[in-house]
Amino acid sequence: MSATIREVTGGLVLPAHSAALGVDKLETGHPDTAVTAIATAFMPTQHVIEQAVKLGVNLLIVHEGIYYSHKGEEHLSKDDPVYRTKRLLIEDSGIAIYRYHDHCHKHEPDIIIMGLLESLGWVRHVEELLPAAAVLRIPGMTLPDLGAYIKDKLGLAYLRVSGQLSGTYSRIGVLVGYRGGGATAIPLLRDKQLDLILAGEGPEWETPEYIRDAAHQGWNKALVTLGHAESEEPGMRYLAMLIQEKHRGIPVHYIPSGPVYYLV
């Protein structure tokens, strides 16, 4: 059964929060266009958009913005060659791009957190789901073993870790995206009596430094930093599955953005 862009994207909006869409909106395209194929992606990189066009996708649902800013393109010059080339690609292809960020996180449970937990095989270990975090109890693992497990499950080349390598960790707080800052991670670590925080990213002078001091004092505390994209891409893959279940007559693809950093 066919559907319009308005119908597909409208189904992603939570009725209780429909008056406060935040940054969520149709960035390009017309809402009454019939959808032929859908793709989800974490970041609408030029490569992702090119892949979507090759797949015959005319609705690309992404988590982050097109032009390198959370709220828009205000810091870019219209004459910037990178901006201009990307904009021309989008205009020439006619692809519609919908930003799905705020409502994705407002779901109960948070779609992005659930996608990461599914990919890690940890849903069964959840003790508590909070609006911005998940609290888990897993079988105890050392930091090297835990790191190896996470890299294998998420297909990552590396992680950044801080804490006691010889410690055993079982109570974990999971924070995706930019929620790894001290204002969120440190109270969670303390109030939920956690051993370890698994986070996307945050200021390096906040939670990592707290963990460094805690480890120096002898506390069994650790931090595993995945990276922003690495923590949220599984959620957009999970979203593709949810959309396919709702729109069985429309092809739905997930397009990985891939790593933005490499080790040299």
Protein backbone atom coordinates (compact mmCIF):
# COMPACT_ATOMS: atom_id res chain seq x y z
CA MET A 1 0.00 0.00 0.00
CA SER A 2 1.45 3.37 -1.01
CA ALA A 3 1.84 6.34 1.30
CA THR A 4 2.86 9.96 0.98
CA ILE A 5 5.88 11.53 2.63
CA ARG A 6 3.50 13.38 4.94
CA GLU A 7 1.90 10.11 6.05
CA VAL A 8 5.20 8.33 6.65
CA THR A 9 6.86 11.18 8.54
CA GLY A 10 3.67 12.07 10.39
CA GLY A 11 3.63 8.57 11.80
CA LEU A 12 7.03 9.23 13.39
CA VAL A 13 5.78 12.21 15.39
CA LEU A 14 4.54 11.59 18.92
CA PRO A 15 1.07 13.13 19.36
CA ALA A 16 1.90 14.35 22.87
CA HIS A 17 4.83 16.35 21.48
CA SER A 18 3.44 17.32 18.06
CA ALA A 19 3.47 21.02 18.93
CA ALA A 20 7.19 20.92 19.74
CA LEU A 21 8.97 19.34 16.81
CA GLY A 22 12.36 20.82 17.71
CA VAL A 23 14.74 20.30 14.80
CA ASP A 24 12.59 17.56 13.26
CA LYS A 25 11.30 18.60 9.84
CA LEU A 26 11.20 17.85 6.13
CA GLU A 27 14.41 19.52 4.97
CA THR A 28 13.87 18.95 1.25
CA GLY A 29 11.08 17.61 -0.92
CA HIS A 30 7.26 17.95 -0.96
CA PRO A 31 5.15 16.30 1.73
CA ASP A 32 2.46 15.08 -0.68
CA THR A 33 4.87 13.09 -2.87
CA ALA A 34 4.14 9.36 -3.01
CA VAL A 35 6.91 7.34 -1.37
CA THR A 36 8.58 4.77 -3.63
CA ALA A 37 11.36 3.67 -1.26
CA ILE A 38 12.70 4.76 2.13
CA ALA A 39 16.17 4.73 3.64
CA THR A 40 17.35 5.61 7.12
CA ALA A 41 20.83 6.82 8.01
CA PHE A 42 22.55 8.47 10.94
CA MET A 43 24.21 11.24 8.92
CA PRO A 44 23.17 12.51 5.46
CA THR A 45 26.70 12.50 4.09
CA GLN A 46 27.17 13.00 0.39
CA HIS A 47 28.04 9.30 0.11
CA VAL A 48 24.83 8.30 1.92
CA ILE A 49 22.72 10.50 -0.36
CA GLU A 50 24.41 9.05 -3.45
CA GLN A 51 23.73 5.51 -2.20
CA ALA A 52 20.09 6.37 -1.50
CA VAL A 53 19.65 7.69 -5.04
CA LYS A 54 21.20 4.49 -6.47
CA LEU A 55 18.70 2.44 -4.46
CA GLY A 56 15.77 4.39 -5.90
CA VAL A 57 14.99 5.99 -2.54
CA ASN A 58 12.92 9.17 -2.62
CA LEU A 59 12.59 9.60 1.18
CA LEU A 60 15.76 9.62 3.28
CA ILE A 61 15.19 9.77 7.05
CA VAL A 62 18.27 10.93 8.95
CA HIS A 63 19.16 11.69 12.55
CA GLU A 64 21.54 14.61 12.12
CA GLY A 65 21.45 17.71 9.94
CA ILE A 66 22.53 18.00 6.34
CA TYR A 67 24.88 20.96 6.67
CA TYR A 68 27.22 20.35 9.63
CA SER A 69 25.18 22.09 12.35
CA HIS A 70 22.52 20.99 14.80
CA LYS A 71 20.12 23.81 13.95
CA GLY A 72 20.78 24.59 10.31
CA GLU A 73 23.28 26.09 7.91
CA GLU A 74 23.69 29.56 9.40
CA HIS A 75 27.47 29.31 9.69
CA LEU A 76 27.99 28.37 6.04
CA SER A 77 28.53 30.73 3.12
CA LYS A 78 26.29 30.03 0.14
CA ASP A 79 29.47 30.19 -1.95
CA ASP A 80 31.21 27.46 0.06
CA PRO A 81 32.16 24.83 -2.56
CA VAL A 82 31.40 21.81 -0.33
CA TYR A 83 28.00 23.20 0.63
CA ARG A 84 27.18 24.13 -2.97
CA THR A 85 28.16 20.72 -4.39
CA LYS A 86 26.08 18.86 -1.83
CA ARG A 87 23.08 21.14 -2.27
CA LEU A 88 23.19 20.68 -6.06
CA LEU A 89 23.26 16.89 -5.62
CA ILE A 90 20.13 17.03 -3.46
CA GLU A 91 18.32 19.41 -5.81
CA ASP A 92 19.21 17.46 -8.95
CA SER A 93 18.22 14.10 -7.43
CA GLY A 94 14.89 15.37 -6.11
CA ILE A 95 15.30 13.27 -2.97
CA ALA A 96 13.31 14.27 0.12
CA ILE A 97 15.28 14.37 3.36
CA TYR A 98 13.50 14.27 6.72
CA ARG A 99 15.38 15.06 9.92
CA TYR A 100 14.23 12.77 12.74
CA HIS A 101 16.07 13.69 15.90
CA ASP A 102 14.07 15.04 18.82
CA HIS A 103 11.04 12.74 18.56
CA CYS A 104 13.33 9.78 18.02
CA HIS A 105 14.77 10.43 21.49
CA LYS A 106 11.37 11.27 23.04
CA HIS A 107 9.97 7.81 22.37
CA GLU A 108 9.55 5.58 25.41
CA PRO A 109 11.84 3.76 25.18
CA ASP A 110 14.27 5.98 23.26
CA ILE A 111 14.63 4.47 19.76
CA ILE A 112 18.34 5.25 19.55
CA ILE A 113 19.13 3.67 22.93
CA MET A 114 17.09 0.58 22.06
CA GLY A 115 18.91 0.19 18.76
CA LEU A 116 22.28 0.22 20.53
CA LEU A 117 21.10 -2.25 23.18
CA GLU A 118 19.71 -4.58 20.49
CA SER A 119 23.00 -4.50 18.59
CA LEU A 120 24.94 -5.29 21.77
CA GLY A 121 22.58 -8.10 22.76
CA TRP A 122 21.94 -6.38 26.09
CA VAL A 123 18.18 -5.77 26.10
CA ARG A 124 17.70 -8.70 28.50
CA HIS A 125 20.14 -7.10 30.94
CA VAL A 126 18.23 -3.82 31.31
CA GLU A 127 17.22 -2.99 34.88
CA GLU A 128 15.86 0.49 34.25
CA LEU A 129 15.12 2.69 31.24
CA LEU A 130 15.38 6.41 31.94
CA PRO A 131 14.48 9.25 29.52
CA ALA A 132 18.15 9.76 28.60
CA ALA A 133 19.87 6.55 29.69
CA ALA A 134 19.61 2.83 30.32
CA VAL A 135 20.85 1.07 33.45
CA LEU A 136 22.06 -2.51 32.99
CA ARG A 137 23.53 -5.37 34.95
CA ILE A 138 25.61 -7.67 32.75
CA PRO A 139 27.80 -10.63 33.73
CA GLY A 140 31.04 -9.18 35.12
CA MET A 141 33.77 -8.50 32.57
CA THR A 142 37.19 -6.89 32.64
CA LEU A 143 37.64 -3.68 30.68
CA PRO A 144 39.73 -5.35 27.91
CA ASP A 145 37.19 -8.17 27.53
CA LEU A 146 34.27 -5.75 27.55
CA GLY A 147 35.98 -3.58 24.96
CA ALA A 148 36.61 -6.58 22.71
CA TYR A 149 32.96 -7.62 23.02
CA ILE A 150 31.65 -4.15 22.12
CA LYS A 151 33.99 -3.81 19.14
CA ASP A 152 32.91 -7.20 17.83
CA LYS A 153 29.18 -6.53 18.22
CA LEU A 154 29.31 -3.04 16.67
CA GLY A 155 32.00 -3.73 14.10
CA LEU A 156 34.29 -1.00 15.45
CA ALA A 157 38.03 -0.72 14.89
CA TYR A 158 38.73 0.98 18.21
CA LEU A 159 37.28 2.38 21.43
CA ARG A 160 38.53 4.96 23.92
CA VAL A 161 38.53 3.78 27.51
CA SER A 162 39.41 5.26 30.88
CA GLY A 163 39.53 3.54 34.26
CA GLN A 164 41.05 0.47 35.86
CA LEU A 165 41.89 -2.20 33.29
CA SER A 166 42.09 -4.85 36.01
CA GLY A 167 38.62 -4.11 37.39
CA THR A 168 35.49 -6.18 36.80
CA TYR A 169 32.47 -4.29 35.54
CA SER A 170 28.82 -5.35 35.59
CA ARG A 171 26.59 -2.35 36.38
CA ILE A 172 26.58 -0.17 33.28
CA GLY A 173 24.94 3.09 32.29
CA VAL A 174 24.36 3.56 28.55
CA LEU A 175 24.25 7.10 27.16
CA VAL A 176 24.05 7.70 23.41
CA GLY A 177 25.08 10.70 21.32
CA TYR A 178 26.30 13.78 23.17
CA ARG A 179 24.94 12.67 26.55
CA GLY A 180 28.34 11.66 27.90
CA GLY A 181 29.02 15.06 29.49
CA GLY A 182 29.60 15.41 33.20
CA ALA A 183 26.19 16.92 33.98
CA THR A 184 24.49 13.73 32.81
CA ALA A 185 27.04 10.95 33.21
CA ILE A 186 28.51 11.73 36.65
CA PRO A 187 25.19 11.90 38.57
CA LEU A 188 24.05 8.72 36.78
CA LEU A 189 27.27 6.95 37.77
CA ARG A 190 26.86 8.02 41.40
CA ASP A 191 23.09 7.79 41.93
CA LYS A 192 22.68 4.39 40.25
CA GLN A 193 25.89 3.01 41.81
CA LEU A 194 27.33 2.11 38.43
CA ASP A 195 30.73 0.63 37.64
CA LEU A 196 30.96 1.89 34.08
CA ILE A 197 29.53 4.44 31.68
CA LEU A 198 29.20 3.55 27.98
CA ALA A 199 28.70 6.81 26.11
CA GLY A 200 28.78 8.33 22.66
CA GLU A 201 30.77 11.44 23.41
CA GLY A 202 31.09 14.47 25.68
CA PRO A 203 33.62 17.12 26.67
CA GLU A 204 36.93 15.42 27.39
CA TRP A 205 37.60 17.53 30.47
CA GLU A 206 34.42 16.38 32.25
CA THR A 207 33.48 12.68 32.62
CA PRO A 208 36.88 11.29 31.50
CA GLU A 209 38.67 13.40 34.11
CA TYR A 210 36.21 12.36 36.81
CA ILE A 211 36.86 8.72 35.91
CA ARG A 212 40.62 9.29 35.95
CA ASP A 213 40.48 10.70 39.49
CA ALA A 214 38.09 7.95 40.64
CA ALA A 215 40.43 5.25 39.35
CA HIS A 216 43.42 6.95 40.97
CA GLN A 217 41.56 6.96 44.28
CA GLY A 218 40.96 3.21 43.95
CA TRP A 219 37.32 3.24 42.88
CA ASN A 220 36.23 0.55 40.41
CA LYS A 221 34.95 3.00 37.78
CA ALA A 222 35.43 3.15 34.02
CA LEU A 223 34.31 4.99 30.91
CA VAL A 224 33.99 3.54 27.40
CA THR A 225 33.60 6.16 24.67
CA LEU A 226 32.14 4.89 21.41
CA GLY A 227 31.91 8.10 19.40
CA HIS A 228 28.73 10.00 18.55
CA ALA A 229 27.92 8.21 15.29
CA GLU A 230 29.04 4.83 16.59
CA SER A 231 26.56 5.08 19.48
CA GLU A 232 23.61 6.27 17.37
CA GLU A 233 23.92 4.46 14.04
CA PRO A 234 22.47 1.22 15.50
CA GLY A 235 19.37 3.20 16.45
CA MET A 236 18.80 4.30 12.86
CA ARG A 237 19.20 0.70 11.69
CA TYR A 238 16.61 -0.26 14.33
CA LEU A 239 14.35 2.55 13.05
CA ALA A 240 14.46 1.07 9.53
CA MET A 241 13.08 -2.18 10.96
CA LEU A 242 10.27 -0.33 12.78
CA ILE A 243 9.32 1.59 9.64
CA GLN A 244 9.33 -1.59 7.53
CA GLU A 245 6.95 -3.25 9.98
CA LYS A 246 4.53 -0.32 9.58
CA HIS A 247 4.89 0.12 5.80
CA ARG A 248 5.27 -3.41 4.47
CA GLY A 249 4.51 -2.42 0.88
CA ILE A 250 7.40 0.07 0.64
CA PRO A 251 11.06 -1.00 0.42
CA VAL A 252 13.02 0.26 3.45
CA HIS A 253 16.83 0.34 3.55
CA TYR A 254 19.41 1.24 6.16
CA ILE A 255 22.52 3.00 4.84
CA PRO A 256 25.53 3.13 7.21
CA SER A 257 27.43 6.39 7.36
CA GLY A 258 30.68 4.67 8.33
CA PRO A 259 33.42 6.03 10.60
CA VAL A 260 34.33 9.71 10.39
CA TYR A 261 37.71 9.16 12.10
CA TYR A 262 40.56 6.76 11.34
CA LEU A 263 43.59 5.79 13.40
CA VAL A 264 46.88 6.87 11.83
